[in-house]
Amino acid sequence: MAAPAPHRTDTLKESHWTDKRHGRITALCEEEVAGTPQIRSLSHYSNGILDFTVFRFPRAPLSSLVTELGDEEEHEALPGSRLLLCAQDLGAVLRPLGTGELMRTVVGNARGGLWGGRARPGEFLAAVTDLPDGVPAMDAAMNHLVTRIRTEIHSLPDEMPGGDPHAKAHLRTGAGPEGPHVDFGTAAEPDAVYEERLRSLWRTHVNTTDLQYAGYYRDWTLVCVGDVFDAHELGPRFIGVSVRTRRTAYRDLSRSLRGHLVRLTDALALVAPPVPGRAPVDRLVLDVQEGAVYVHWTSPGAFVLGVTLDQRQVDNAERRLQGLAGAVGGVTTPPPR
């Protein structure tokens, strides 16, 4: 079967970006957009400065939040520019955890999404999709592209953004007969049956292979959190940062999400306005060099936050968190006594 014909694209370059010095990078980006119809546009930045943007043709008009500013093509890179600023702030928050630099950020809702990632320090790429089901294909394409730029142009190793597609999801352990370390927050009712249902979900989903930490929040307040950080096989991952410090840091990140969400929503709304009655963002992925942090919203103000410390298992861990997110929706708060 013949390969599908590439889609028509155009490229708008800034004056400092020349084919003589940077043509190979431009060509790889144009090739990826032409071969991935889900990508609306792709922008490349050096040290925070826009270098060029590749556009898909045809494409729907941008949100009126952008078009009212003037030339649509000149502002096609605006969502990516805003995502870059968000990624810089979130990267600074995650850096003290000792899991490496933030190298991939994915944010999306039911109408589209944004992808941002670094090829190396100072070199950032951002992609936009305006299709309801376009985020997975955009994500896969951009992970492939940034890896090609690293390995083929910069002679740097593959950092496996998105995880290792060949990693097995088989669990090495159920974290012992006692299960994960579980705590309940102020949004949880002190009901034994309710708490046992939540404990059972954490025993089913949180494990030492992929999803090693998960927290459930309702109205931005903690309901339940659990992890397997005390498992002996994870000990080497806590040489630089203690278990207690890491637990505290992830709770702090959960509390700070509300502020970050405002800026992420502003960036996403330029191409994928929020769906009425739903959270403005459905999914956020913060992929660092050693694992990832995920946030999946189940409704406005309600979300699950998950963590893996294994870069190979980034995709598998998110799939397991998705299962937990769906399950907690069926565990209702018991009625007042």
C-alpha atoms as a PDB file:
ATOM      1  CA  MET A   1       0.000   0.000   0.000  1.00  0.00           C
ATOM      2  CA  ALA A   2       1.415   3.383  -1.009  1.00  0.00           C
ATOM      3  CA  ALA A   3       2.236   5.893   1.700  1.00  0.00           C
ATOM      4  CA  PRO A   4      -0.256   8.789   2.007  1.00  0.00           C
ATOM      5  CA  ALA A   5       0.681  11.952   0.175  1.00  0.00           C
ATOM      6  CA  PRO A   6       2.188  14.661   2.384  1.00  0.00           C
ATOM      7  CA  HIS A   7      -0.037  17.587   3.327  1.00  0.00           C
ATOM      8  CA  ARG A   8       0.670  21.070   2.046  1.00  0.00           C
ATOM      9  CA  THR A   9       2.671  23.242   4.432  1.00  0.00           C
ATOM     10  CA  ASP A  10       4.237  26.667   4.523  1.00  0.00           C
ATOM     11  CA  THR A  11       7.027  28.067   6.696  1.00  0.00           C
ATOM     12  CA  LEU A  12       7.408  31.554   8.119  1.00  0.00           C
ATOM     13  CA  LYS A  13      11.036  32.211   9.167  1.00  0.00           C
ATOM     14  CA  GLU A  14      12.479  35.002  11.261  1.00  0.00           C
ATOM     15  CA  SER A  15      15.331  36.991   9.708  1.00  0.00           C
ATOM     16  CA  HIS A  16      18.012  35.478  11.963  1.00  0.00           C
ATOM     17  CA  TRP A  17      17.147  31.903  10.908  1.00  0.00           C
ATOM     18  CA  THR A  18      18.960  30.920   7.705  1.00  0.00           C
ATOM     19  CA  ASP A  19      18.901  27.717   5.676  1.00  0.00           C
ATOM     20  CA  LYS A  20      22.668  27.854   5.311  1.00  0.00           C
ATOM     21  CA  ARG A  21      23.182  27.275   9.032  1.00  0.00           C
ATOM     22  CA  HIS A  22      19.949  25.677  10.180  1.00  0.00           C
ATOM     23  CA  GLY A  23      18.347  24.151   7.094  1.00  0.00           C
ATOM     24  CA  ARG A  24      18.441  20.551   8.341  1.00  0.00           C
ATOM     25  CA  ILE A  25      16.383  21.368  11.447  1.00  0.00           C
ATOM     26  CA  THR A  26      13.848  23.262   9.352  1.00  0.00           C
ATOM     27  CA  ALA A  27      13.579  20.381   6.894  1.00  0.00           C
ATOM     28  CA  LEU A  28      12.921  17.827   9.635  1.00  0.00           C
ATOM     29  CA  CYS A  29      10.160  20.001  11.108  1.00  0.00           C
ATOM     30  CA  GLU A  30       8.547  20.550   7.700  1.00  0.00           C
ATOM     31  CA  GLU A  31       8.701  16.822   7.029  1.00  0.00           C
ATOM     32  CA  GLU A  32       6.960  16.004  10.319  1.00  0.00           C
ATOM     33  CA  VAL A  33       4.141  18.512   9.789  1.00  0.00           C
ATOM     34  CA  ALA A  34       3.632  17.379   6.187  1.00  0.00           C
ATOM     35  CA  GLY A  35       3.349  13.767   7.315  1.00  0.00           C
ATOM     36  CA  THR A  36       1.141  14.370  10.371  1.00  0.00           C
ATOM     37  CA  PRO A  37      -2.221  15.916   9.472  1.00  0.00           C
ATOM     38  CA  GLN A  38      -3.139  16.236  13.150  1.00  0.00           C
ATOM     39  CA  ILE A  39      -0.470  18.931  13.630  1.00  0.00           C
ATOM     40  CA  ARG A  40      -1.866  22.369  12.835  1.00  0.00           C
ATOM     41  CA  SER A  41       1.451  24.164  13.276  1.00  0.00           C
ATOM     42  CA  LEU A  42       4.919  23.681  14.718  1.00  0.00           C
ATOM     43  CA  SER A  43       7.195  26.415  16.081  1.00  0.00           C
ATOM     44  CA  HIS A  44      10.904  26.356  16.892  1.00  0.00           C
ATOM     45  CA  TYR A  45      12.518  28.595  19.523  1.00  0.00           C
ATOM     46  CA  SER A  46      16.131  29.322  20.477  1.00  0.00           C
ATOM     47  CA  ASN A  47      16.691  30.715  23.974  1.00  0.00           C
ATOM     48  CA  GLY A  48      13.055  31.787  24.087  1.00  0.00           C
ATOM     49  CA  ILE A  49      13.132  33.560  20.708  1.00  0.00           C
ATOM     50  CA  LEU A  50      10.944  32.346  17.839  1.00  0.00           C
ATOM     51  CA  ASP A  51      12.946  31.033  14.865  1.00  0.00           C
ATOM     52  CA  PHE A  52      10.271  29.740  12.497  1.00  0.00           C
ATOM     53  CA  THR A  53       6.764  28.294  12.287  1.00  0.00           C
ATOM     54  CA  VAL A  54       5.554  25.563   9.933  1.00  0.00           C
ATOM     55  CA  PHE A  55       1.829  25.739   9.041  1.00  0.00           C
ATOM     56  CA  ARG A  56      -0.571  23.116   7.781  1.00  0.00           C
ATOM     57  CA  PHE A  57      -2.867  23.934   4.843  1.00  0.00           C
ATOM     58  CA  PRO A  58      -5.794  24.095   4.949  1.00  0.00           C
ATOM     59  CA  ARG A  59      -6.559  24.954   8.574  1.00  0.00           C
ATOM     60  CA  ALA A  60      -9.439  26.581  10.434  1.00  0.00           C
ATOM     61  CA  PRO A  61      -9.056  30.152  11.717  1.00  0.00           C
ATOM     62  CA  LEU A  62      -7.437  30.587  15.104  1.00  0.00           C
ATOM     63  CA  SER A  63      -9.478  31.642  18.121  1.00  0.00           C
ATOM     64  CA  SER A  64     -10.716  35.214  17.972  1.00  0.00           C
ATOM     65  CA  LEU A  65      -8.425  35.804  20.965  1.00  0.00           C
ATOM     66  CA  VAL A  66      -5.573  35.681  18.431  1.00  0.00           C
ATOM     67  CA  THR A  67      -7.074  36.832  15.153  1.00  0.00           C
ATOM     68  CA  GLU A  68      -8.197  40.143  16.586  1.00  0.00           C
ATOM     69  CA  LEU A  69      -4.524  40.906  17.213  1.00  0.00           C
ATOM     70  CA  GLY A  70      -3.726  41.136  13.496  1.00  0.00           C
ATOM     71  CA  ASP A  71      -1.991  38.852  11.005  1.00  0.00           C
ATOM     72  CA  GLU A  72      -3.054  35.291  11.824  1.00  0.00           C
ATOM     73  CA  GLU A  73       0.108  33.647  10.502  1.00  0.00           C
ATOM     74  CA  GLU A  74       2.340  35.907  12.572  1.00  0.00           C
ATOM     75  CA  HIS A  75       0.407  34.908  15.693  1.00  0.00           C
ATOM     76  CA  GLU A  76       0.217  31.179  14.940  1.00  0.00           C
ATOM     77  CA  ALA A  77       3.201  30.709  17.275  1.00  0.00           C
ATOM     78  CA  LEU A  78       1.491  32.482  20.203  1.00  0.00           C
ATOM     79  CA  PRO A  79       0.098  29.314  21.870  1.00  0.00           C
ATOM     80  CA  GLY A  80       3.567  27.748  21.730  1.00  0.00           C
ATOM     81  CA  SER A  81       5.193  30.876  23.127  1.00  0.00           C
ATOM     82  CA  ARG A  82       2.821  30.829  26.093  1.00  0.00           C
ATOM     83  CA  LEU A  83       3.396  27.117  26.615  1.00  0.00           C
ATOM     84  CA  LEU A  84       7.147  27.752  26.625  1.00  0.00           C
ATOM     85  CA  LEU A  85       6.757  30.199  29.522  1.00  0.00           C
ATOM     86  CA  CYS A  86       4.571  27.718  31.420  1.00  0.00           C
ATOM     87  CA  ALA A  87       7.106  24.941  30.846  1.00  0.00           C
ATOM     88  CA  GLN A  88       9.915  27.122  32.177  1.00  0.00           C
ATOM     89  CA  ASP A  89       7.969  27.758  35.385  1.00  0.00           C
ATOM     90  CA  LEU A  90       6.925  24.131  35.818  1.00  0.00           C
ATOM     91  CA  GLY A  91      10.457  22.963  35.105  1.00  0.00           C
ATOM     92  CA  ALA A  92      11.731  25.149  37.935  1.00  0.00           C
ATOM     93  CA  VAL A  93       9.139  23.596  40.272  1.00  0.00           C
ATOM     94  CA  LEU A  94      10.148  20.039  39.349  1.00  0.00           C
ATOM     95  CA  ARG A  95      13.920  20.528  39.297  1.00  0.00           C
ATOM     96  CA  PRO A  96      14.444  20.169  43.101  1.00  0.00           C
ATOM     97  CA  LEU A  97      12.925  16.669  42.930  1.00  0.00           C
ATOM     98  CA  GLY A  98      16.150  15.423  41.351  1.00  0.00           C
ATOM     99  CA  THR A  99      14.485  13.659  38.424  1.00  0.00           C
ATOM    100  CA  GLY A 100      16.159  15.782  35.757  1.00  0.00           C
ATOM    101  CA  GLU A 101      14.970  18.530  33.459  1.00  0.00           C
ATOM    102  CA  LEU A 102      11.439  18.888  32.117  1.00  0.00           C
ATOM    103  CA  MET A 103      11.763  17.756  28.502  1.00  0.00           C
ATOM    104  CA  ARG A 104       8.136  17.292  27.352  1.00  0.00           C
ATOM    105  CA  THR A 105       4.873  19.014  28.238  1.00  0.00           C
ATOM    106  CA  VAL A 106       1.499  17.947  26.872  1.00  0.00           C
ATOM    107  CA  VAL A 107      -1.740  19.771  27.660  1.00  0.00           C
ATOM    108  CA  GLY A 108      -5.092  19.047  26.071  1.00  0.00           C
ATOM    109  CA  ASN A 109      -8.860  19.053  26.270  1.00  0.00           C
ATOM    110  CA  ALA A 110     -11.720  17.676  24.193  1.00  0.00           C
ATOM    111  CA  ARG A 111     -11.069  20.169  21.377  1.00  0.00           C
ATOM    112  CA  GLY A 112      -7.310  19.977  20.874  1.00  0.00           C
ATOM    113  CA  GLY A 113      -3.972  20.327  22.576  1.00  0.00           C
ATOM    114  CA  LEU A 114      -0.435  21.642  22.787  1.00  0.00           C
ATOM    115  CA  TRP A 115       2.929  19.875  22.883  1.00  0.00           C
ATOM    116  CA  GLY A 116       6.153  21.480  24.053  1.00  0.00           C
ATOM    117  CA  GLY A 117       9.597  19.991  24.455  1.00  0.00           C
ATOM    118  CA  ARG A 118      13.298  20.664  24.342  1.00  0.00           C
ATOM    119  CA  ALA A 119      15.767  19.116  21.947  1.00  0.00           C
ATOM    120  CA  ARG A 120      18.608  20.364  24.135  1.00  0.00           C
ATOM    121  CA  PRO A 121      19.044  23.248  26.609  1.00  0.00           C
ATOM    122  CA  GLY A 122      17.883  26.465  24.924  1.00  0.00           C
ATOM    123  CA  GLU A 123      16.191  24.709  21.972  1.00  0.00           C
ATOM    124  CA  PHE A 124      12.425  24.348  22.360  1.00  0.00           C
ATOM    125  CA  LEU A 125       9.753  23.095  19.970  1.00  0.00           C
ATOM    126  CA  ALA A 126       6.003  23.584  20.298  1.00  0.00           C
ATOM    127  CA  ALA A 127       3.185  21.995  18.313  1.00  0.00           C
ATOM    128  CA  VAL A 128      -0.545  22.672  18.137  1.00  0.00           C
ATOM    129  CA  THR A 129      -3.493  20.469  17.190  1.00  0.00           C
ATOM    130  CA  ASP A 130      -7.025  21.785  16.715  1.00  0.00           C
ATOM    131  CA  LEU A 131      -8.613  18.353  16.246  1.00  0.00           C
ATOM    132  CA  PRO A 132     -10.587  16.652  19.046  1.00  0.00           C
ATOM    133  CA  ASP A 133      -8.647  13.392  18.666  1.00  0.00           C
ATOM    134  CA  GLY A 134      -5.402  14.902  17.434  1.00  0.00           C
ATOM    135  CA  VAL A 135      -3.273  14.900  20.594  1.00  0.00           C
ATOM    136  CA  PRO A 136      -2.021  11.253  20.494  1.00  0.00           C
ATOM    137  CA  ALA A 137      -0.754  11.528  16.912  1.00  0.00           C
ATOM    138  CA  MET A 138       0.762  14.960  17.540  1.00  0.00           C
ATOM    139  CA  ASP A 139       2.452  13.662  20.691  1.00  0.00           C
ATOM    140  CA  ALA A 140       3.937  10.632  18.931  1.00  0.00           C
ATOM    141  CA  ALA A 141       5.141  12.709  15.989  1.00  0.00           C
ATOM    142  CA  MET A 142       6.776  15.356  18.155  1.00  0.00           C
ATOM    143  CA  ASN A 143       8.474  12.770  20.360  1.00  0.00           C
ATOM    144  CA  HIS A 144       9.902  11.241  17.199  1.00  0.00           C
ATOM    145  CA  LEU A 145      10.938  14.627  15.802  1.00  0.00           C
ATOM    146  CA  VAL A 146      12.714  15.889  18.901  1.00  0.00           C
ATOM    147  CA  THR A 147      14.568  12.584  19.151  1.00  0.00           C
ATOM    148  CA  ARG A 148      15.716  12.867  15.530  1.00  0.00           C
ATOM    149  CA  ILE A 149      16.972  16.411  16.124  1.00  0.00           C
ATOM    150  CA  ARG A 150      18.874  15.273  19.221  1.00  0.00           C
ATOM    151  CA  THR A 151      20.419  12.164  17.702  1.00  0.00           C
ATOM    152  CA  GLU A 152      20.899  13.075  14.026  1.00  0.00           C
ATOM    153  CA  ILE A 153      21.850  16.744  14.324  1.00  0.00           C
ATOM    154  CA  HIS A 154      23.256  17.250  17.813  1.00  0.00           C
ATOM    155  CA  SER A 155      24.709  13.738  18.292  1.00  0.00           C
ATOM    156  CA  LEU A 156      23.030  13.489  21.698  1.00  0.00           C
ATOM    157  CA  PRO A 157      21.468  10.358  23.226  1.00  0.00           C
ATOM    158  CA  ASP A 158      17.791   9.502  22.952  1.00  0.00           C
ATOM    159  CA  GLU A 159      15.995  10.620  26.146  1.00  0.00           C
ATOM    160  CA  MET A 160      12.897   8.537  25.335  1.00  0.00           C
ATOM    161  CA  PRO A 161      10.248  11.275  25.570  1.00  0.00           C
ATOM    162  CA  GLY A 162       6.953   9.504  26.139  1.00  0.00           C
ATOM    163  CA  GLY A 163       8.725   6.404  27.441  1.00  0.00           C
ATOM    164  CA  ASP A 164       9.978   3.218  25.827  1.00  0.00           C
ATOM    165  CA  PRO A 165       7.321   1.811  23.462  1.00  0.00           C
ATOM    166  CA  HIS A 166       8.704  -1.668  24.080  1.00  0.00           C
ATOM    167  CA  ALA A 167       8.536  -1.484  27.885  1.00  0.00           C
ATOM    168  CA  LYS A 168       6.402  -4.218  29.413  1.00  0.00           C
ATOM    169  CA  ALA A 169       3.594  -3.278  31.759  1.00  0.00           C
ATOM    170  CA  HIS A 170       3.879  -6.490  33.793  1.00  0.00           C
ATOM    171  CA  LEU A 171       4.116  -5.705  37.484  1.00  0.00           C
ATOM    172  CA  ARG A 172       7.159  -6.922  39.378  1.00  0.00           C
ATOM    173  CA  THR A 173       5.344  -6.729  42.691  1.00  0.00           C
ATOM    174  CA  GLY A 174       2.082  -5.738  44.272  1.00  0.00           C
ATOM    175  CA  ALA A 175       4.071  -3.681  46.794  1.00  0.00           C
ATOM    176  CA  GLY A 176       3.808  -6.346  49.466  1.00  0.00           C
ATOM    177  CA  PRO A 177       0.791  -7.732  51.304  1.00  0.00           C
ATOM    178  CA  GLU A 178       0.269  -4.451  53.138  1.00  0.00           C
ATOM    179  CA  GLY A 179      -0.170  -2.538  49.869  1.00  0.00           C
ATOM    180  CA  PRO A 180       0.848   1.061  49.184  1.00  0.00           C
ATOM    181  CA  HIS A 181       1.319   3.662  51.881  1.00  0.00           C
ATOM    182  CA  VAL A 182      -2.086   5.450  51.845  1.00  0.00           C
ATOM    183  CA  ASP A 183      -3.251   8.637  53.573  1.00  0.00           C
ATOM    184  CA  PHE A 184      -6.580  10.427  53.492  1.00  0.00           C
ATOM    185  CA  GLY A 185      -7.080  14.173  53.227  1.00  0.00           C
ATOM    186  CA  THR A 186      -9.658  16.580  54.559  1.00  0.00           C
ATOM    187  CA  ALA A 187     -11.961  15.988  51.571  1.00  0.00           C
ATOM    188  CA  ALA A 188     -12.387  12.318  52.552  1.00  0.00           C
ATOM    189  CA  GLU A 189     -15.231  11.334  54.861  1.00  0.00           C
ATOM    190  CA  PRO A 190     -14.210   9.210  57.881  1.00  0.00           C
ATOM    191  CA  ASP A 191     -16.217   6.212  56.712  1.00  0.00           C
ATOM    192  CA  ALA A 192     -14.594   2.779  56.944  1.00  0.00           C
ATOM    193  CA  VAL A 193     -16.284   1.302  53.855  1.00  0.00           C
ATOM    194  CA  TYR A 194     -15.498   4.391  51.760  1.00  0.00           C
ATOM    195  CA  GLU A 195     -11.857   4.390  52.856  1.00  0.00           C
ATOM    196  CA  GLU A 196     -11.485   0.672  52.169  1.00  0.00           C
ATOM    197  CA  ARG A 197     -12.817   1.143  48.630  1.00  0.00           C
ATOM    198  CA  LEU A 198     -10.163   3.772  48.011  1.00  0.00           C
ATOM    199  CA  ARG A 199      -7.423   1.627  49.563  1.00  0.00           C
ATOM    200  CA  SER A 200      -8.457  -1.214  47.262  1.00  0.00           C
ATOM    201  CA  LEU A 201      -8.156   1.035  44.198  1.00  0.00           C
ATOM    202  CA  TRP A 202      -4.680   2.150  45.240  1.00  0.00           C
ATOM    203  CA  ARG A 203      -3.609  -1.470  45.824  1.00  0.00           C
ATOM    204  CA  THR A 204      -4.861  -2.302  42.317  1.00  0.00           C
ATOM    205  CA  HIS A 205      -3.252   0.603  40.463  1.00  0.00           C
ATOM    206  CA  VAL A 206      -0.204   1.878  42.374  1.00  0.00           C
ATOM    207  CA  ASN A 207       2.821  -0.387  42.078  1.00  0.00           C
ATOM    208  CA  THR A 208       6.612  -0.442  41.887  1.00  0.00           C
ATOM    209  CA  THR A 209       6.774  -1.043  38.110  1.00  0.00           C
ATOM    210  CA  ASP A 210       5.078   1.985  36.586  1.00  0.00           C
ATOM    211  CA  LEU A 211       2.622   4.149  38.583  1.00  0.00           C
ATOM    212  CA  GLN A 212       4.434   4.617  41.894  1.00  0.00           C
ATOM    213  CA  TYR A 213       2.416   7.533  43.323  1.00  0.00           C
ATOM    214  CA  ALA A 214      -1.155   8.771  42.921  1.00  0.00           C
ATOM    215  CA  GLY A 215      -3.302  11.398  44.613  1.00  0.00           C
ATOM    216  CA  TYR A 216      -7.004  12.144  44.225  1.00  0.00           C
ATOM    217  CA  TYR A 217      -8.313  15.675  44.771  1.00  0.00           C
ATOM    218  CA  ARG A 218     -11.865  17.019  44.849  1.00  0.00           C
ATOM    219  CA  ASP A 219     -12.616  20.755  44.934  1.00  0.00           C
ATOM    220  CA  TRP A 220      -8.815  21.179  44.883  1.00  0.00           C
ATOM    221  CA  THR A 221      -8.646  19.413  48.263  1.00  0.00           C
ATOM    222  CA  LEU A 222      -6.931  16.081  48.966  1.00  0.00           C
ATOM    223  CA  VAL A 223      -9.168  13.023  49.225  1.00  0.00           C
ATOM    224  CA  CYS A 224      -6.646  10.182  49.063  1.00  0.00           C
ATOM    225  CA  VAL A 225      -2.949   9.775  48.284  1.00  0.00           C
ATOM    226  CA  GLY A 226      -0.786   6.680  48.171  1.00  0.00           C
ATOM    227  CA  ASP A 227       2.632   5.508  47.018  1.00  0.00           C
ATOM    228  CA  VAL A 228       5.108   2.630  47.106  1.00  0.00           C
ATOM    229  CA  PHE A 229       8.144   4.822  47.755  1.00  0.00           C
ATOM    230  CA  ASP A 230       9.089   2.685  50.778  1.00  0.00           C
ATOM    231  CA  ALA A 231       9.537  -0.445  48.629  1.00  0.00           C
ATOM    232  CA  HIS A 232      13.104  -1.732  48.858  1.00  0.00           C
ATOM    233  CA  GLU A 233      13.523  -1.994  45.068  1.00  0.00           C
ATOM    234  CA  LEU A 234      12.915   1.750  44.749  1.00  0.00           C
ATOM    235  CA  GLY A 235      15.567   2.597  47.321  1.00  0.00           C
ATOM    236  CA  PRO A 236      18.252   3.645  44.776  1.00  0.00           C
ATOM    237  CA  ARG A 237      15.886   6.318  43.432  1.00  0.00           C
ATOM    238  CA  PHE A 238      15.877   8.116  46.774  1.00  0.00           C
ATOM    239  CA  ILE A 239      19.595   8.545  47.325  1.00  0.00           C
ATOM    240  CA  GLY A 240      19.499  12.288  46.628  1.00  0.00           C
ATOM    241  CA  VAL A 241      15.922  13.106  47.637  1.00  0.00           C
ATOM    242  CA  SER A 242      14.282  11.371  50.587  1.00  0.00           C
ATOM    243  CA  VAL A 243      10.888   9.675  50.508  1.00  0.00           C
ATOM    244  CA  ARG A 244       9.459  12.263  52.892  1.00  0.00           C
ATOM    245  CA  THR A 245      10.774  15.166  50.815  1.00  0.00           C
ATOM    246  CA  ARG A 246       9.336  13.701  47.626  1.00  0.00           C
ATOM    247  CA  ARG A 247       5.918  13.104  49.183  1.00  0.00           C
ATOM    248  CA  THR A 248       5.835  16.679  50.419  1.00  0.00           C
ATOM    249  CA  ALA A 249       6.956  18.030  47.052  1.00  0.00           C
ATOM    250  CA  TYR A 250       4.188  16.271  45.125  1.00  0.00           C
ATOM    251  CA  ARG A 251       1.562  17.570  47.541  1.00  0.00           C
ATOM    252  CA  ASP A 252       2.998  21.066  47.143  1.00  0.00           C
ATOM    253  CA  LEU A 253       2.820  20.675  43.364  1.00  0.00           C
ATOM    254  CA  SER A 254      -0.839  19.657  43.633  1.00  0.00           C
ATOM    255  CA  ARG A 255      -1.596  22.770  45.678  1.00  0.00           C
ATOM    256  CA  SER A 256       0.180  25.012  43.175  1.00  0.00           C
ATOM    257  CA  LEU A 257      -1.564  23.530  40.132  1.00  0.00           C
ATOM    258  CA  ARG A 258      -4.436  25.977  40.317  1.00  0.00           C
ATOM    259  CA  GLY A 259      -2.144  28.886  39.505  1.00  0.00           C
ATOM    260  CA  HIS A 260      -0.355  27.037  36.702  1.00  0.00           C
ATOM    261  CA  LEU A 261      -3.710  25.929  35.274  1.00  0.00           C
ATOM    262  CA  VAL A 262      -4.724  29.536  34.654  1.00  0.00           C
ATOM    263  CA  ARG A 263      -1.741  30.106  32.361  1.00  0.00           C
ATOM    264  CA  LEU A 264      -2.024  26.707  30.693  1.00  0.00           C
ATOM    265  CA  THR A 265      -5.699  27.390  29.997  1.00  0.00           C
ATOM    266  CA  ASP A 266      -4.833  30.751  28.460  1.00  0.00           C
ATOM    267  CA  ALA A 267      -2.366  29.062  26.110  1.00  0.00           C
ATOM    268  CA  LEU A 268      -4.687  26.193  25.191  1.00  0.00           C
ATOM    269  CA  ALA A 269      -7.761  28.419  24.722  1.00  0.00           C
ATOM    270  CA  LEU A 270      -6.098  30.159  21.769  1.00  0.00           C
ATOM    271  CA  VAL A 271      -6.614  27.026  19.711  1.00  0.00           C
ATOM    272  CA  ALA A 272      -8.949  24.810  21.797  1.00  0.00           C
ATOM    273  CA  PRO A 273     -11.444  26.873  23.849  1.00  0.00           C
ATOM    274  CA  PRO A 274     -12.799  25.115  26.968  1.00  0.00           C
ATOM    275  CA  VAL A 275     -15.885  22.940  26.648  1.00  0.00           C
ATOM    276  CA  PRO A 276     -18.753  24.375  28.756  1.00  0.00           C
ATOM    277  CA  GLY A 277     -19.321  22.385  31.928  1.00  0.00           C
ATOM    278  CA  ARG A 278     -15.959  20.620  31.754  1.00  0.00           C
ATOM    279  CA  ALA A 279     -12.558  21.371  33.182  1.00  0.00           C
ATOM    280  CA  PRO A 280     -10.653  23.709  30.815  1.00  0.00           C
ATOM    281  CA  VAL A 281      -7.814  21.165  30.688  1.00  0.00           C
ATOM    282  CA  ASP A 282      -8.440  17.417  30.648  1.00  0.00           C
ATOM    283  CA  ARG A 283      -4.842  16.217  30.712  1.00  0.00           C
ATOM    284  CA  LEU A 284      -1.402  17.519  31.622  1.00  0.00           C
ATOM    285  CA  VAL A 285       1.847  15.570  31.227  1.00  0.00           C
ATOM    286  CA  LEU A 286       5.163  16.779  32.633  1.00  0.00           C
ATOM    287  CA  ASP A 287       7.756  14.366  31.266  1.00  0.00           C
ATOM    288  CA  VAL A 288      11.143  14.737  32.959  1.00  0.00           C
ATOM    289  CA  GLN A 289      14.355  12.829  32.274  1.00  0.00           C
ATOM    290  CA  GLU A 290      13.564  10.246  34.959  1.00  0.00           C
ATOM    291  CA  GLY A 291       9.856   9.601  34.753  1.00  0.00           C
ATOM    292  CA  ALA A 292       6.860  11.902  34.574  1.00  0.00           C
ATOM    293  CA  VAL A 293       4.078  13.646  36.469  1.00  0.00           C
ATOM    294  CA  TYR A 294       0.540  13.394  35.110  1.00  0.00           C
ATOM    295  CA  VAL A 295      -2.671  15.216  35.962  1.00  0.00           C
ATOM    296  CA  HIS A 296      -6.040  14.012  34.665  1.00  0.00           C
ATOM    297  CA  TRP A 297      -9.108  16.094  35.499  1.00  0.00           C
ATOM    298  CA  THR A 298     -12.367  14.230  36.066  1.00  0.00           C
ATOM    299  CA  SER A 299     -14.422  17.442  36.503  1.00  0.00           C
ATOM    300  CA  PRO A 300     -13.672  21.106  37.306  1.00  0.00           C
ATOM    301  CA  GLY A 301     -11.613  21.079  40.515  1.00  0.00           C
ATOM    302  CA  ALA A 302     -11.409  17.265  40.676  1.00  0.00           C
ATOM    303  CA  PHE A 303      -8.341  15.428  39.413  1.00  0.00           C
ATOM    304  CA  VAL A 304      -5.893  12.611  39.925  1.00  0.00           C
ATOM    305  CA  LEU A 305      -2.156  13.265  39.975  1.00  0.00           C
ATOM    306  CA  GLY A 306       0.201  10.404  39.241  1.00  0.00           C
ATOM    307  CA  VAL A 307       3.950   9.887  39.155  1.00  0.00           C
ATOM    308  CA  THR A 308       6.371   7.410  37.669  1.00  0.00           C
ATOM    309  CA  LEU A 309      10.091   7.440  38.385  1.00  0.00           C
ATOM    310  CA  ASP A 310      10.952   5.123  35.483  1.00  0.00           C
ATOM    311  CA  GLN A 311      11.398   6.792  32.088  1.00  0.00           C
ATOM    312  CA  ARG A 312      10.799   3.549  30.246  1.00  0.00           C
ATOM    313  CA  GLN A 313       7.344   3.245  31.828  1.00  0.00           C
ATOM    314  CA  VAL A 314       6.056   6.771  31.099  1.00  0.00           C
ATOM    315  CA  ASP A 315       3.322   5.604  28.726  1.00  0.00           C
ATOM    316  CA  ASN A 316       2.323   2.573  30.785  1.00  0.00           C
ATOM    317  CA  ALA A 317       2.092   4.629  33.969  1.00  0.00           C
ATOM    318  CA  GLU A 318      -0.255   7.135  32.377  1.00  0.00           C
ATOM    319  CA  ARG A 319      -2.489   4.364  31.106  1.00  0.00           C
ATOM    320  CA  ARG A 320      -2.717   2.985  34.630  1.00  0.00           C
ATOM    321  CA  LEU A 321      -3.520   6.454  36.006  1.00  0.00           C
ATOM    322  CA  GLN A 322      -6.312   6.761  33.432  1.00  0.00           C
ATOM    323  CA  GLY A 323      -7.768   3.563  34.836  1.00  0.00           C
ATOM    324  CA  LEU A 324      -7.583   4.951  38.365  1.00  0.00           C
ATOM    325  CA  ALA A 325      -9.188   8.232  37.259  1.00  0.00           C
ATOM    326  CA  GLY A 326     -12.120   6.335  35.806  1.00  0.00           C
ATOM    327  CA  ALA A 327     -12.437   4.169  38.913  1.00  0.00           C
ATOM    328  CA  VAL A 328     -12.474   6.975  41.489  1.00  0.00           C
ATOM    329  CA  GLY A 329     -15.411   8.486  39.627  1.00  0.00           C
ATOM    330  CA  GLY A 330     -17.453   5.505  40.777  1.00  0.00           C
ATOM    331  CA  VAL A 331     -16.453   5.790  44.446  1.00  0.00           C
ATOM    332  CA  THR A 332     -18.872   8.349  45.799  1.00  0.00           C
ATOM    333  CA  THR A 333     -18.534  10.195  49.071  1.00  0.00           C
ATOM    334  CA  PRO A 334     -20.774   8.578  51.689  1.00  0.00           C
ATOM    335  CA  PRO A 335     -23.815  10.627  52.763  1.00  0.00           C
ATOM    336  CA  PRO A 336     -23.554  12.621  56.004  1.00  0.00           C
ATOM    337  CA  ARG A 337     -24.540  10.672  59.077  1.00  0.00           C
END
